[in-house]
C-alpha atoms as a PDB file:
ATOM      1  CA  MET A   1       7.603 -18.376  -7.454  1.00  0.00           C
ATOM      2  CA  GLY A   2       7.280 -15.756  -4.706  1.00  0.00           C
ATOM      3  CA  LYS A   3       4.875 -12.906  -4.164  1.00  0.00           C
ATOM      4  CA  ILE A   4       4.960  -9.120  -3.865  1.00  0.00           C
ATOM      5  CA  MET A   5       3.479  -8.056  -0.544  1.00  0.00           C
ATOM      6  CA  LEU A   6       2.289  -4.593   0.439  1.00  0.00           C
ATOM      7  CA  GLU A   7       3.313  -3.370   3.876  1.00  0.00           C
ATOM      8  CA  LEU A   8       1.235  -0.227   3.731  1.00  0.00           C
ATOM      9  CA  ASP A   9      -0.053  -0.737   7.264  1.00  0.00           C
ATOM     10  CA  VAL A  10       3.511  -0.596   8.623  1.00  0.00           C
ATOM     11  CA  MET A  11       4.263   2.728   6.919  1.00  0.00           C
ATOM     12  CA  MET A  12       0.881   4.151   7.934  1.00  0.00           C
ATOM     13  CA  ALA A  13       1.652   3.292  11.560  1.00  0.00           C
ATOM     14  CA  LYS A  14       5.113   4.875  11.313  1.00  0.00           C
ATOM     15  CA  ARG A  15       3.555   8.061   9.948  1.00  0.00           C
ATOM     16  CA  HIS A  16       0.598   7.981  12.376  1.00  0.00           C
ATOM     17  CA  MET A  17      -1.845   8.222   9.467  1.00  0.00           C
ATOM     18  CA  SER A  18      -5.302   6.687   9.521  1.00  0.00           C
ATOM     19  CA  LEU A  19      -6.920   4.861   6.633  1.00  0.00           C
ATOM     20  CA  ASN A  20      -9.506   7.637   6.256  1.00  0.00           C
ATOM     21  CA  ASP A  21      -6.873  10.398   6.175  1.00  0.00           C
ATOM     22  CA  LEU A  22      -4.673   8.565   3.683  1.00  0.00           C
ATOM     23  CA  ALA A  23      -7.618   7.698   1.422  1.00  0.00           C
ATOM     24  CA  ALA A  24      -8.689  11.348   1.354  1.00  0.00           C
ATOM     25  CA  GLU A  25      -5.170  12.559   0.608  1.00  0.00           C
ATOM     26  CA  VAL A  26      -4.588   9.955  -2.124  1.00  0.00           C
ATOM     27  CA  GLY A  27      -8.033  10.474  -3.652  1.00  0.00           C
ATOM     28  CA  ILE A  28      -9.358   6.909  -3.492  1.00  0.00           C
ATOM     29  CA  THR A  29     -12.147   5.326  -1.484  1.00  0.00           C
ATOM     30  CA  ASN A  30     -11.602   3.851   1.964  1.00  0.00           C
ATOM     31  CA  VAL A  31     -12.724   0.482   0.586  1.00  0.00           C
ATOM     32  CA  ASN A  32     -10.107   0.471  -2.185  1.00  0.00           C
ATOM     33  CA  LEU A  33      -7.342   1.647   0.128  1.00  0.00           C
ATOM     34  CA  SER A  34      -8.342  -1.037   2.632  1.00  0.00           C
ATOM     35  CA  LYS A  35      -7.979  -3.681  -0.098  1.00  0.00           C
ATOM     36  CA  ILE A  36      -4.499  -2.360  -0.910  1.00  0.00           C
ATOM     37  CA  LYS A  37      -3.569  -2.250   2.785  1.00  0.00           C
ATOM     38  CA  ASN A  38      -4.728  -5.844   3.337  1.00  0.00           C
ATOM     39  CA  ASN A  39      -3.049  -7.285   0.220  1.00  0.00           C
ATOM     40  CA  LYS A  40      -6.382  -8.049  -1.454  1.00  0.00           C
ATOM     41  CA  VAL A  41      -5.328  -6.611  -4.830  1.00  0.00           C
ATOM     42  CA  ASN A  42      -3.465  -8.111  -7.764  1.00  0.00           C
ATOM     43  CA  ALA A  43      -2.372  -4.783  -9.232  1.00  0.00           C
ATOM     44  CA  ILE A  44      -1.920  -1.151  -8.270  1.00  0.00           C
ATOM     45  CA  ARG A  45      -1.730   1.832 -10.610  1.00  0.00           C
ATOM     46  CA  PHE A  46       1.587   3.664 -10.583  1.00  0.00           C
ATOM     47  CA  THR A  47      -0.300   6.930 -10.087  1.00  0.00           C
ATOM     48  CA  THR A  48      -1.966   5.519  -6.969  1.00  0.00           C
ATOM     49  CA  LEU A  49       1.368   4.205  -5.700  1.00  0.00           C
ATOM     50  CA  ALA A  50       2.979   7.585  -6.365  1.00  0.00           C
ATOM     51  CA  ASN A  51       0.193   9.399  -4.496  1.00  0.00           C
ATOM     52  CA  ILE A  52       0.510   7.014  -1.546  1.00  0.00           C
ATOM     53  CA  CYS A  53       4.273   7.574  -1.448  1.00  0.00           C
ATOM     54  CA  LYS A  54       3.791  11.338  -1.628  1.00  0.00           C
ATOM     55  CA  ALA A  55       1.257  11.311   1.218  1.00  0.00           C
ATOM     56  CA  LEU A  56       3.418   9.061   3.405  1.00  0.00           C
ATOM     57  CA  GLU A  57       6.704  10.692   2.383  1.00  0.00           C
ATOM     58  CA  CYS A  58       8.254   7.357   1.463  1.00  0.00           C
ATOM     59  CA  GLU A  59       9.635   5.387  -1.469  1.00  0.00           C
ATOM     60  CA  PRO A  60       7.804   2.487  -3.187  1.00  0.00           C
ATOM     61  CA  GLY A  61      10.372   0.093  -1.728  1.00  0.00           C
ATOM     62  CA  ASP A  62       9.270   1.125   1.749  1.00  0.00           C
ATOM     63  CA  ILE A  63       5.858  -0.465   1.218  1.00  0.00           C
ATOM     64  CA  LEU A  64       6.500  -3.134  -1.452  1.00  0.00           C
ATOM     65  CA  LYS A  65       8.251  -6.306  -0.310  1.00  0.00           C
ATOM     66  CA  TYR A  66       9.110  -9.524  -2.137  1.00  0.00           C
ATOM     67  CA  ASP A  67       8.634 -12.811  -0.289  1.00  0.00           C
ATOM     68  CA  PRO A  68      10.257 -15.662  -2.241  1.00  0.00           C
ATOM     69  CA  ASN A  69       8.574 -18.274  -0.024  1.00  0.00           C
ATOM     70  CA  GLU A  70       5.004 -16.991  -0.434  1.00  0.00           C
ATOM     71  CA  GLU A  71       2.893 -18.466  -3.223  1.00  0.00           C
ATOM     72  CA  GLU A  72       0.343 -16.641  -5.381  1.00  0.00           C
ATOM     73  CA  GLU A  73      -3.267 -17.578  -4.658  1.00  0.00           C
END
């Protein structure tokens, strides 16, 4: 079936942005951003995704990847 994977950590590294800084700029808790960063979420609000993209100056496709070989848990 495949799975959507978040590569937020890659973009954060490219932008030299820490979890704490990004969480503050996006307006969510460190814990929730950590869950997003580590692919421990099943959904993400478009507003949160938009705020992440704004803070990292990227497009959603820069952090969302589809892996056709990965299976949902």
